[in-house]
Each structure stands twice: as C-alpha cells, then as structure tokens.
Amino acid sequence: MAAWLPIIKIVLPYVAPVFHAALPVFTKKKSDKEDPLVAQQIGELQEAVKTNSESTKALAKAIEEIAQANDRVMKRVQKISTIAVVLSGLALVLVVASIFI
C-alpha cells in the first residue's frame, strides 16, 4: 500500500479536471426542437408496449385457466386410477380365493 501512495498523490490532482472535461460527452444533450420522427417512433413504441402488455396479461390468464382445468382433470384421473387399483386388488383376492377353495 505504501508503494502506491506517492503515485496516488501525483495522479489525484489531475483526475478532477479530466473528469469534468469528459463529463459532457457522456451526458444527454437537449436540443431546443424535437425531431417529429423520433416523437412518432416513441409513440409507436409506447403503443406496442401497451398492446404487448395486454396480450401478455390475456395469455397469462388463459394459461392459468388451463392449469386449473388440468388440475381438475388430474384429480379425476387420480380418483379413477385409485378405484381401478382397488378393484384389481379385489379381483386378485377373488382369483386367489377361488383357486384355493
């Protein structure tokens, strides 16, 4: 750290003027009159974003409805498969009982 201290002391006075000279290059320049083409393009982009947002909301709602319908169907399938397993177990018990009786 001590080796860098003299270098920092030499460079530090020149950093502020360089920073202040370079700052206007990186800031946005405001012109007095606005380009009508740019304003039109901004309006079109805002309208596209609004339309895209509405479409995304509609799509999300449709996906949610499909997911809920899928959940209902899966519960029904689970009940039917449980009944099928119970009936097949009962049938197996009856077959085994009929063989040995």
C-alpha atoms as a PDB file:
ATOM      1  CA  MET A   1       0.000   0.000   0.000  1.00  0.00           C
ATOM      2  CA  ALA A   2       2.809   2.400   0.835  1.00  0.00           C
ATOM      3  CA  ALA A   3       4.318   1.997  -2.644  1.00  0.00           C
ATOM      4  CA  TRP A   4       1.107   3.213  -4.307  1.00  0.00           C
ATOM      5  CA  LEU A   5       0.659   6.251  -2.058  1.00  0.00           C
ATOM      6  CA  PRO A   6       3.127   8.552  -3.896  1.00  0.00           C
ATOM      7  CA  ILE A   7       1.612   7.602  -7.265  1.00  0.00           C
ATOM      8  CA  ILE A   8      -1.887   8.375  -6.000  1.00  0.00           C
ATOM      9  CA  LYS A   9      -0.706  11.738  -4.659  1.00  0.00           C
ATOM     10  CA  ILE A  10       0.765  12.626  -8.069  1.00  0.00           C
ATOM     11  CA  VAL A  11      -2.252  11.494 -10.147  1.00  0.00           C
ATOM     12  CA  LEU A  12      -5.068  12.725  -7.895  1.00  0.00           C
ATOM     13  CA  PRO A  13      -4.863  16.456  -8.779  1.00  0.00           C
ATOM     14  CA  TYR A  14      -5.312  15.617 -12.492  1.00  0.00           C
ATOM     15  CA  VAL A  15      -8.316  13.312 -12.063  1.00  0.00           C
ATOM     16  CA  ALA A  16     -10.901  16.035 -11.327  1.00  0.00           C
ATOM     17  CA  PRO A  17     -10.111  18.199 -14.416  1.00  0.00           C
ATOM     18  CA  VAL A  18     -10.124  15.148 -16.682  1.00  0.00           C
ATOM     19  CA  PHE A  19     -13.427  14.014 -15.193  1.00  0.00           C
ATOM     20  CA  HIS A  20     -15.034  17.442 -15.630  1.00  0.00           C
ATOM     21  CA  ALA A  21     -13.767  17.684 -19.217  1.00  0.00           C
ATOM     22  CA  ALA A  22     -15.106  14.225 -20.141  1.00  0.00           C
ATOM     23  CA  LEU A  23     -18.468  14.511 -18.359  1.00  0.00           C
ATOM     24  CA  PRO A  24     -20.301  16.464 -21.117  1.00  0.00           C
ATOM     25  CA  VAL A  25     -19.504  13.701 -23.603  1.00  0.00           C
ATOM     26  CA  PHE A  26     -21.450  11.179 -21.532  1.00  0.00           C
ATOM     27  CA  THR A  27     -24.461  13.358 -20.712  1.00  0.00           C
ATOM     28  CA  LYS A  28     -27.550  13.675 -22.871  1.00  0.00           C
ATOM     29  CA  LYS A  29     -27.677  16.802 -24.962  1.00  0.00           C
ATOM     30  CA  LYS A  30     -31.043  18.519 -25.023  1.00  0.00           C
ATOM     31  CA  SER A  31     -31.929  20.196 -28.253  1.00  0.00           C
ATOM     32  CA  ASP A  32     -34.418  23.025 -28.495  1.00  0.00           C
ATOM     33  CA  LYS A  33     -36.633  21.337 -31.059  1.00  0.00           C
ATOM     34  CA  GLU A  34     -37.633  17.721 -31.063  1.00  0.00           C
ATOM     35  CA  ASP A  35     -37.460  15.587 -34.174  1.00  0.00           C
ATOM     36  CA  PRO A  36     -41.032  14.664 -35.194  1.00  0.00           C
ATOM     37  CA  LEU A  37     -39.885  11.277 -36.476  1.00  0.00           C
ATOM     38  CA  VAL A  38     -38.379  10.433 -33.101  1.00  0.00           C
ATOM     39  CA  ALA A  39     -41.568  11.529 -31.341  1.00  0.00           C
ATOM     40  CA  GLN A  40     -43.635   9.372 -33.710  1.00  0.00           C
ATOM     41  CA  GLN A  41     -41.368   6.381 -33.148  1.00  0.00           C
ATOM     42  CA  ILE A  42     -41.572   6.833 -29.378  1.00  0.00           C
ATOM     43  CA  GLY A  43     -45.380   6.935 -29.612  1.00  0.00           C
ATOM     44  CA  GLU A  44     -45.414   3.773 -31.729  1.00  0.00           C
ATOM     45  CA  LEU A  45     -43.114   2.014 -29.288  1.00  0.00           C
ATOM     46  CA  GLN A  46     -45.296   3.027 -26.348  1.00  0.00           C
ATOM     47  CA  GLU A  47     -48.393   1.723 -28.151  1.00  0.00           C
ATOM     48  CA  ALA A  48     -46.587  -1.530 -28.963  1.00  0.00           C
ATOM     49  CA  VAL A  49     -45.568  -1.934 -25.319  1.00  0.00           C
ATOM     50  CA  LYS A  50     -49.164  -1.331 -24.213  1.00  0.00           C
ATOM     51  CA  THR A  51     -50.502  -3.877 -26.719  1.00  0.00           C
ATOM     52  CA  ASN A  52     -47.799  -6.361 -25.746  1.00  0.00           C
ATOM     53  CA  SER A  53     -48.654  -5.914 -22.076  1.00  0.00           C
ATOM     54  CA  GLU A  54     -52.355  -6.538 -22.716  1.00  0.00           C
ATOM     55  CA  SER A  55     -51.545  -9.622 -24.784  1.00  0.00           C
ATOM     56  CA  THR A  56     -49.253 -10.944 -22.084  1.00  0.00           C
ATOM     57  CA  LYS A  57     -51.957 -10.482 -19.440  1.00  0.00           C
ATOM     58  CA  ALA A  58     -54.508 -12.292 -21.625  1.00  0.00           C
ATOM     59  CA  LEU A  59     -52.051 -15.116 -22.263  1.00  0.00           C
ATOM     60  CA  ALA A  60     -51.274 -15.431 -18.548  1.00  0.00           C
ATOM     61  CA  LYS A  61     -54.999 -15.608 -17.762  1.00  0.00           C
ATOM     62  CA  ALA A  62     -55.511 -18.312 -20.411  1.00  0.00           C
ATOM     63  CA  ILE A  63     -52.560 -20.320 -19.065  1.00  0.00           C
ATOM     64  CA  GLU A  64     -53.930 -20.023 -15.523  1.00  0.00           C
ATOM     65  CA  GLU A  65     -57.349 -21.312 -16.665  1.00  0.00           C
ATOM     66  CA  ILE A  66     -55.711 -24.217 -18.487  1.00  0.00           C
ATOM     67  CA  ALA A  67     -53.616 -25.059 -15.422  1.00  0.00           C
ATOM     68  CA  GLN A  68     -56.725 -25.084 -13.221  1.00  0.00           C
ATOM     69  CA  ALA A  69     -58.562 -27.313 -15.708  1.00  0.00           C
ATOM     70  CA  ASN A  70     -55.519 -29.585 -15.821  1.00  0.00           C
ATOM     71  CA  ASP A  71     -55.533 -29.824 -12.014  1.00  0.00           C
ATOM     72  CA  ARG A  72     -59.208 -30.815 -12.030  1.00  0.00           C
ATOM     73  CA  VAL A  73     -58.593 -33.477 -14.664  1.00  0.00           C
ATOM     74  CA  MET A  74     -55.574 -34.837 -12.802  1.00  0.00           C
ATOM     75  CA  LYS A  75     -57.606 -35.160  -9.580  1.00  0.00           C
ATOM     76  CA  ARG A  76     -60.306 -37.031 -11.500  1.00  0.00           C
ATOM     77  CA  VAL A  77     -57.725 -39.323 -13.123  1.00  0.00           C
ATOM     78  CA  GLN A  78     -56.183 -39.982  -9.716  1.00  0.00           C
ATOM     79  CA  LYS A  79     -59.573 -40.989  -8.290  1.00  0.00           C
ATOM     80  CA  ILE A  80     -60.291 -43.277 -11.243  1.00  0.00           C
ATOM     81  CA  SER A  81     -56.845 -44.896 -11.029  1.00  0.00           C
ATOM     82  CA  THR A  82     -57.272 -45.437  -7.281  1.00  0.00           C
ATOM     83  CA  ILE A  83     -60.617 -47.134  -7.894  1.00  0.00           C
ATOM     84  CA  ALA A  84     -59.038 -49.263 -10.635  1.00  0.00           C
ATOM     85  CA  VAL A  85     -56.198 -50.363  -8.328  1.00  0.00           C
ATOM     86  CA  VAL A  86     -58.661 -51.251  -5.561  1.00  0.00           C
ATOM     87  CA  LEU A  87     -60.866 -53.225  -7.977  1.00  0.00           C
ATOM     88  CA  SER A  88     -57.866 -55.063  -9.431  1.00  0.00           C
ATOM     89  CA  GLY A  89     -56.696 -55.930  -5.917  1.00  0.00           C
ATOM     90  CA  LEU A  90     -60.169 -57.202  -5.086  1.00  0.00           C
ATOM     91  CA  ALA A  91     -60.191 -59.239  -8.303  1.00  0.00           C
ATOM     92  CA  LEU A  92     -56.793 -60.712  -7.418  1.00  0.00           C
ATOM     93  CA  VAL A  93     -58.039 -61.661  -3.974  1.00  0.00           C
ATOM     94  CA  LEU A  94     -61.115 -63.337  -5.523  1.00  0.00           C
ATOM     95  CA  VAL A  95     -58.978 -65.250  -8.027  1.00  0.00           C
ATOM     96  CA  VAL A  96     -56.597 -66.473  -5.343  1.00  0.00           C
ATOM     97  CA  ALA A  97     -59.521 -67.402  -3.100  1.00  0.00           C
ATOM     98  CA  SER A  98     -61.263 -69.307  -5.911  1.00  0.00           C
ATOM     99  CA  ILE A  99     -58.087 -71.263  -6.699  1.00  0.00           C
ATOM    100  CA  PHE A 100     -57.565 -72.434  -3.132  1.00  0.00           C
ATOM    101  CA  ILE A 101     -61.192 -73.062  -2.219  1.00  0.00           C
END
